[in-house]
Amino acid sequence: MIKICNTYSLDDLPLGTKGRVIALGLFDGIHQGHKDIIRKAVVTAERDGLTSTVQTFRNLIKNDSRSLYSMEEKHELIGSLGADELFVLDFDAVKDMEPEQYLTDVLLYRAVADTLVLGEDYRFGRGAKGDVNLIREFAKANDIRVIVLKDHLLEGTGRKISTTWLREALSEGDADLARDLCGGRNYSYTGYCVQGKMMGRTMGFPTANINIPEDKFVVRRGVYVSRVILGQRVLYGVTNIGRRPTLENAENDVAETFIFDFDEDIYGAKFTVELLHFLRPEEHYGSKDELILAVENNKVQARDYIKNLI
């Protein structure tokens, strides 16, 4: 059962009466390194009778790229790790704060920090001038405990797990690597089933479609083996991420999923599509017949993959 994690902004964060153990970071990917930090904060807070708080930001995505997870998804993922609170700062409201001001006004006085948990490379404050050494000095002067965790290396690679690496993997369609970086969690899209032009139905593969939000990261466009979570049911299928170049060349990205052994009307239902394995890039075919042949081949490939999975 997922723990209810209360979400607060700077203006509505209740003053702490017993102190907080605060996990610091952007936590966009919620990968294994992020999980280490959050879990350490949770365990420490539970042991010491404190409140576990994950402090993150909105409006802080580098190079105008899209978020890997929406705030709603991030809330659920962080809650599943046992945190009591999600403390979300609007980056625009704090970006010009000097590091010392941020530590004093936000973490000490407002959040009532007892303990700070962070990674080795954590940076903060105006111009990202604040670092671990500054936090240690500030903490010593204000009787705050600091726990700095070492980088989490992906087993067998010696490479540090990072959000940058996760984005690279997803951009290349490497859903398997992305799953490893996230500790077994598949990258996914969640939304309400919308009605498309029903072209797939006329070709023998009706799809359940999710419009990908404009502010959410789009993986490499193409066809994936997928798992579908619909209510309490777990189903499997083939998902195309993209803009349907053969049929319409749409302006926005859609996750279209053909669900195996399934024939129900689920328009309007909320469901999740998890990407398990990349099969091929999205292509423009010369005819519908060529597209149908490609999809049928993908169905066979997907079923073979799933046989080894379940």
Protein backbone atom coordinates (compact mmCIF):
# COMPACT_ATOMS: atom_id res chain seq x y z
CA MET A 1 0.00 0.00 0.00
CA ILE A 2 1.37 3.41 -1.01
CA LYS A 3 1.77 5.84 1.85
CA ILE A 4 -0.06 9.17 1.54
CA CYS A 5 2.63 11.80 1.03
CA ASN A 6 1.47 15.36 1.74
CA THR A 7 2.64 17.97 -0.76
CA TYR A 8 3.48 21.53 0.30
CA SER A 9 4.90 24.66 -1.28
CA LEU A 10 7.02 27.30 0.45
CA ASP A 11 3.96 29.35 1.38
CA ASP A 12 1.93 26.54 2.92
CA LEU A 13 4.56 24.31 4.54
CA PRO A 14 3.52 23.84 8.18
CA LEU A 15 6.16 24.85 10.70
CA GLY A 16 7.81 21.75 12.03
CA THR A 17 7.37 21.05 15.72
CA LYS A 18 9.71 18.08 15.93
CA GLY A 19 12.16 18.77 13.12
CA ARG A 20 12.51 17.32 9.65
CA VAL A 21 14.91 14.97 7.92
CA ILE A 22 15.09 16.56 4.48
CA ALA A 23 16.21 14.80 1.30
CA LEU A 24 17.59 17.38 -1.12
CA GLY A 25 17.57 17.17 -4.92
CA LEU A 26 15.61 17.72 -8.11
CA PHE A 27 14.56 14.05 -8.17
CA ASP A 28 13.32 14.21 -11.76
CA GLY A 29 14.16 10.63 -12.68
CA ILE A 30 13.63 8.94 -9.28
CA HIS A 31 16.46 6.58 -10.28
CA GLN A 32 18.45 4.33 -7.94
CA GLY A 33 20.65 7.18 -6.70
CA HIS A 34 17.58 9.25 -5.87
CA LYS A 35 15.98 6.29 -4.12
CA ASP A 36 19.07 5.89 -1.93
CA ILE A 37 18.74 9.48 -0.71
CA ILE A 38 14.99 9.33 -0.12
CA ARG A 39 15.12 5.97 1.66
CA LYS A 40 17.96 7.15 3.89
CA ALA A 41 15.87 10.17 4.90
CA VAL A 42 12.85 7.96 5.60
CA VAL A 43 14.80 5.43 7.68
CA THR A 44 16.57 8.17 9.64
CA ALA A 45 13.31 10.00 10.39
CA GLU A 46 11.54 6.82 11.48
CA ARG A 47 14.41 5.89 13.78
CA ASP A 48 14.56 9.32 15.41
CA GLY A 49 10.85 10.12 15.53
CA LEU A 50 11.10 12.95 12.99
CA THR A 51 9.28 13.88 9.78
CA SER A 52 10.76 12.66 6.48
CA THR A 53 10.55 15.39 3.85
CA VAL A 54 11.66 15.28 0.21
CA GLN A 55 12.45 18.79 -1.02
CA THR A 56 12.41 19.30 -4.77
CA PHE A 57 11.64 21.93 -7.39
CA ARG A 58 9.21 22.71 -10.11
CA ASN A 59 10.22 24.76 -13.18
CA LEU A 60 13.81 23.54 -13.00
CA ILE A 61 14.45 21.51 -16.13
CA LYS A 62 17.70 22.16 -17.94
CA ASN A 63 17.91 23.17 -21.60
CA ASP A 64 14.13 23.59 -21.88
CA SER A 65 13.66 19.81 -21.91
CA ARG A 66 10.55 18.11 -20.61
CA SER A 67 10.13 16.53 -17.17
CA LEU A 68 10.58 12.79 -16.92
CA TYR A 69 7.69 12.66 -14.47
CA SER A 70 4.78 14.96 -13.77
CA MET A 71 4.42 16.30 -10.24
CA GLU A 72 1.51 13.90 -9.71
CA GLU A 73 3.66 10.94 -10.79
CA LYS A 74 6.58 12.15 -8.70
CA HIS A 75 4.28 12.49 -5.70
CA GLU A 76 3.15 8.87 -6.08
CA LEU A 77 6.67 7.52 -6.59
CA ILE A 78 8.08 9.38 -3.60
CA GLY A 79 5.11 8.32 -1.50
CA SER A 80 5.81 4.70 -2.43
CA LEU A 81 9.26 5.09 -0.87
CA GLY A 82 7.68 6.00 2.48
CA ALA A 83 8.26 9.77 2.70
CA ASP A 84 5.90 11.79 4.87
CA GLU A 85 6.08 15.01 2.86
CA LEU A 86 6.96 16.38 -0.55
CA PHE A 87 8.17 19.98 -0.26
CA VAL A 88 8.01 21.58 -3.72
CA LEU A 89 9.74 24.90 -4.33
CA ASP A 90 9.03 27.01 -7.38
CA PHE A 91 12.52 27.50 -8.79
CA ASP A 92 11.67 30.95 -10.08
CA ALA A 93 10.93 32.05 -6.51
CA VAL A 94 14.29 30.94 -5.08
CA LYS A 95 16.74 30.96 -8.01
CA ASP A 96 18.21 34.34 -7.06
CA MET A 97 18.74 33.41 -3.40
CA GLU A 98 22.35 33.25 -2.28
CA PRO A 99 23.18 29.76 -0.93
CA GLU A 100 23.42 30.99 2.66
CA GLN A 101 20.02 32.69 2.41
CA TYR A 102 18.46 29.54 1.02
CA LEU A 103 19.88 27.45 3.85
CA THR A 104 18.81 29.93 6.51
CA ASP A 105 15.42 31.15 5.30
CA VAL A 106 14.12 27.99 3.65
CA LEU A 107 15.69 24.95 5.28
CA LEU A 108 16.46 26.20 8.80
CA TYR A 109 13.69 28.64 9.65
CA ARG A 110 10.86 27.54 7.39
CA ALA A 111 11.42 23.78 7.07
CA VAL A 112 12.99 23.40 10.56
CA ALA A 113 15.67 21.03 9.34
CA ASP A 114 17.11 18.59 11.85
CA THR A 115 18.99 16.51 9.26
CA LEU A 116 19.89 17.03 5.60
CA VAL A 117 20.42 14.06 3.29
CA LEU A 118 21.99 14.63 -0.13
CA GLY A 119 24.27 13.29 -2.81
CA GLU A 120 27.93 14.17 -3.30
CA ASP A 121 27.29 16.45 -6.26
CA TYR A 122 24.35 18.44 -4.87
CA ARG A 123 24.47 22.11 -5.92
CA PHE A 124 22.10 24.89 -4.98
CA GLY A 125 21.58 28.63 -4.65
CA ARG A 126 22.21 31.48 -7.04
CA GLY A 127 24.47 30.36 -9.86
CA ALA A 128 24.61 26.90 -8.23
CA LYS A 129 27.37 28.25 -5.98
CA GLY A 130 26.32 26.19 -2.97
CA ASP A 131 27.83 22.75 -2.50
CA VAL A 132 28.35 20.00 0.07
CA ASN A 133 31.19 21.84 1.81
CA LEU A 134 29.06 24.93 2.36
CA ILE A 135 26.23 22.80 3.72
CA ARG A 136 28.61 21.09 6.15
CA GLU A 137 29.87 24.46 7.45
CA PHE A 138 26.34 25.82 7.82
CA ALA A 139 25.10 22.66 9.49
CA LYS A 140 27.94 22.65 12.03
CA ALA A 141 27.14 26.24 13.01
CA ASN A 142 23.41 25.51 13.36
CA ASP A 143 23.48 22.05 14.98
CA ILE A 144 22.10 20.29 11.91
CA ARG A 145 23.11 16.77 11.00
CA VAL A 146 24.33 16.16 7.41
CA ILE A 147 24.33 12.78 5.66
CA VAL A 148 26.09 12.71 2.29
CA LEU A 149 25.63 9.56 0.22
CA LYS A 150 28.14 8.31 -2.30
CA ASP A 151 27.21 7.99 -5.96
CA HIS A 152 25.25 4.88 -6.87
CA LEU A 153 27.11 3.01 -9.61
CA LEU A 154 25.25 0.71 -11.97
CA GLU A 155 26.36 -2.83 -11.26
CA GLY A 156 28.82 -4.15 -13.81
CA THR A 157 29.55 -0.74 -15.35
CA GLY A 158 31.33 1.39 -12.78
CA ARG A 159 29.33 4.36 -14.10
CA LYS A 160 27.39 6.71 -11.86
CA ILE A 161 23.62 6.52 -12.25
CA SER A 162 22.28 9.95 -13.15
CA THR A 163 19.24 11.64 -14.62
CA THR A 164 21.36 12.56 -17.66
CA TRP A 165 22.14 8.90 -18.29
CA LEU A 166 18.48 7.98 -17.83
CA ARG A 167 17.43 10.60 -20.37
CA GLU A 168 20.06 9.32 -22.80
CA ALA A 169 18.79 5.76 -22.45
CA LEU A 170 15.18 6.77 -23.07
CA SER A 171 16.17 8.99 -26.00
CA GLU A 172 17.82 5.95 -27.57
CA GLY A 173 14.84 3.71 -26.85
CA ASP A 174 16.79 1.59 -24.39
CA ALA A 175 13.89 0.74 -22.08
CA ASP A 176 15.87 -2.16 -20.58
CA LEU A 177 18.72 0.10 -19.45
CA ALA A 178 16.25 2.69 -18.16
CA ARG A 179 14.65 -0.03 -16.04
CA ASP A 180 18.04 -0.97 -14.58
CA LEU A 181 18.85 2.66 -13.77
CA CYS A 182 15.53 2.96 -11.94
CA GLY A 183 15.95 -0.21 -9.94
CA GLY A 184 13.43 -2.33 -11.84
CA ARG A 185 10.78 0.31 -12.55
CA ASN A 186 9.71 0.65 -16.17
CA TYR A 187 9.31 4.06 -17.74
CA SER A 188 5.63 4.70 -18.30
CA TYR A 189 2.86 6.95 -19.51
CA THR A 190 -0.40 7.34 -17.62
CA GLY A 191 -3.56 8.95 -18.91
CA TYR A 192 -7.14 8.56 -19.98
CA CYS A 193 -8.00 6.48 -23.01
CA VAL A 194 -8.93 8.86 -25.80
CA GLN A 195 -10.67 8.10 -29.06
CA GLY A 196 -8.52 8.46 -32.12
CA LYS A 197 -9.45 8.11 -35.77
CA MET A 198 -9.97 4.36 -35.27
CA MET A 199 -7.71 3.53 -38.22
CA GLY A 200 -6.06 0.72 -36.30
CA ARG A 201 -9.40 -1.01 -35.82
CA THR A 202 -10.01 -1.06 -39.58
CA MET A 203 -6.61 -2.74 -40.05
CA GLY A 204 -7.12 -5.41 -37.40
CA PHE A 205 -5.26 -3.88 -34.46
CA PRO A 206 -7.49 -1.57 -32.41
CA THR A 207 -5.50 0.56 -29.98
CA ALA A 208 -5.99 2.22 -26.61
CA ASN A 209 -4.52 5.69 -26.90
CA ILE A 210 -3.01 8.14 -24.41
CA ASN A 211 -2.13 11.68 -25.43
CA ILE A 212 1.35 12.42 -24.11
CA PRO A 213 1.28 15.77 -22.25
CA GLU A 214 3.28 18.54 -23.90
CA ASP A 215 5.43 18.97 -20.79
CA LYS A 216 6.31 15.28 -20.41
CA PHE A 217 9.43 13.67 -21.83
CA VAL A 218 8.99 11.71 -25.05
CA VAL A 219 11.10 8.58 -25.43
CA ARG A 220 12.54 7.55 -28.77
CA ARG A 221 9.61 7.30 -31.13
CA GLY A 222 8.93 3.76 -32.14
CA VAL A 223 7.39 0.45 -31.18
CA TYR A 224 7.81 -1.16 -27.76
CA VAL A 225 6.74 -4.31 -25.98
CA SER A 226 4.53 -2.98 -23.21
CA ARG A 227 2.70 -3.82 -20.02
CA VAL A 228 -0.68 -2.22 -19.34
CA ILE A 229 -2.01 -1.53 -15.86
CA LEU A 230 -5.78 -1.12 -16.08
CA GLY A 231 -7.33 -0.96 -12.63
CA GLN A 232 -6.24 -4.16 -10.89
CA ARG A 233 -5.49 -5.94 -14.16
CA VAL A 234 -2.07 -6.43 -15.71
CA LEU A 235 -2.13 -6.89 -19.48
CA TYR A 236 0.48 -6.93 -22.23
CA GLY A 237 0.72 -5.57 -25.71
CA VAL A 238 2.57 -3.53 -28.31
CA THR A 239 2.83 0.25 -28.01
CA ASN A 240 3.76 2.81 -30.62
CA ILE A 241 5.10 6.10 -29.32
CA GLY A 242 4.96 8.81 -31.92
CA ARG A 243 2.98 10.70 -34.51
CA ARG A 244 1.70 8.03 -36.91
CA PRO A 245 3.68 9.14 -40.00
CA THR A 246 2.14 6.53 -42.30
CA LEU A 247 -1.45 7.39 -41.46
CA GLU A 248 -1.58 11.07 -40.53
CA ASN A 249 1.74 12.55 -39.30
CA ALA A 250 0.10 14.08 -36.24
CA GLU A 251 1.39 17.21 -34.51
CA ASN A 252 1.46 15.73 -30.99
CA ASP A 253 2.85 12.49 -29.63
CA VAL A 254 0.53 9.65 -28.70
CA ALA A 255 1.07 6.32 -26.95
CA GLU A 256 -1.03 3.83 -28.95
CA THR A 257 -1.29 0.36 -27.48
CA PHE A 258 -2.63 -2.83 -29.02
CA ILE A 259 -3.51 -4.98 -26.00
CA PHE A 260 -3.24 -8.73 -26.44
CA ASP A 261 -6.36 -10.85 -25.91
CA PHE A 262 -8.48 -7.83 -25.05
CA ASP A 263 -11.67 -6.49 -26.60
CA GLU A 264 -13.35 -3.99 -24.29
CA ASP A 265 -14.49 -0.40 -24.65
CA ILE A 266 -12.28 1.56 -22.24
CA TYR A 267 -12.69 5.07 -23.62
CA GLY A 268 -12.36 7.49 -20.74
CA ALA A 269 -10.68 4.95 -18.46
CA LYS A 270 -7.38 5.81 -16.80
CA PHE A 271 -4.55 3.35 -17.40
CA THR A 272 -0.77 3.12 -17.46
CA VAL A 273 1.49 1.86 -20.24
CA GLU A 274 4.91 0.62 -19.14
CA LEU A 275 7.60 0.35 -21.82
CA LEU A 276 9.46 -2.95 -21.53
CA HIS A 277 11.58 -3.35 -24.66
CA PHE A 278 12.25 -1.44 -27.87
CA LEU A 279 11.41 -3.24 -31.13
CA ARG A 280 11.90 -0.72 -33.92
CA PRO A 281 11.89 3.01 -34.66
CA GLU A 282 8.77 4.72 -35.95
CA GLU A 283 8.78 4.59 -39.74
CA HIS A 284 6.82 5.93 -42.67
CA TYR A 285 5.57 3.02 -44.77
CA GLY A 286 4.57 3.30 -48.40
CA SER A 287 1.18 1.68 -47.85
CA LYS A 288 -1.21 0.45 -45.18
CA ASP A 289 -0.38 -3.13 -46.19
CA GLU A 290 3.28 -2.56 -45.37
CA LEU A 291 2.30 -1.07 -42.01
CA ILE A 292 0.02 -4.02 -41.21
CA LEU A 293 2.83 -6.46 -42.04
CA ALA A 294 5.22 -4.59 -39.75
CA VAL A 295 2.71 -4.53 -36.88
CA GLU A 296 1.97 -8.25 -37.23
CA ASN A 297 5.69 -8.93 -37.04
CA ASN A 298 5.94 -6.75 -33.93
CA LYS A 299 3.10 -8.72 -32.31
CA VAL A 300 5.06 -11.95 -32.77
CA GLN A 301 8.23 -10.35 -31.39
CA ALA A 302 6.37 -8.98 -28.41
CA ARG A 303 4.73 -12.30 -27.54
CA ASP A 304 8.11 -14.01 -27.68
CA TYR A 305 9.58 -11.40 -25.32
CA ILE A 306 6.66 -11.71 -22.91
CA LYS A 307 6.96 -15.52 -22.80
CA ASN A 308 10.40 -15.12 -21.26
CA LEU A 309 9.10 -12.46 -18.87
CA ILE A 310 6.17 -14.18 -17.19
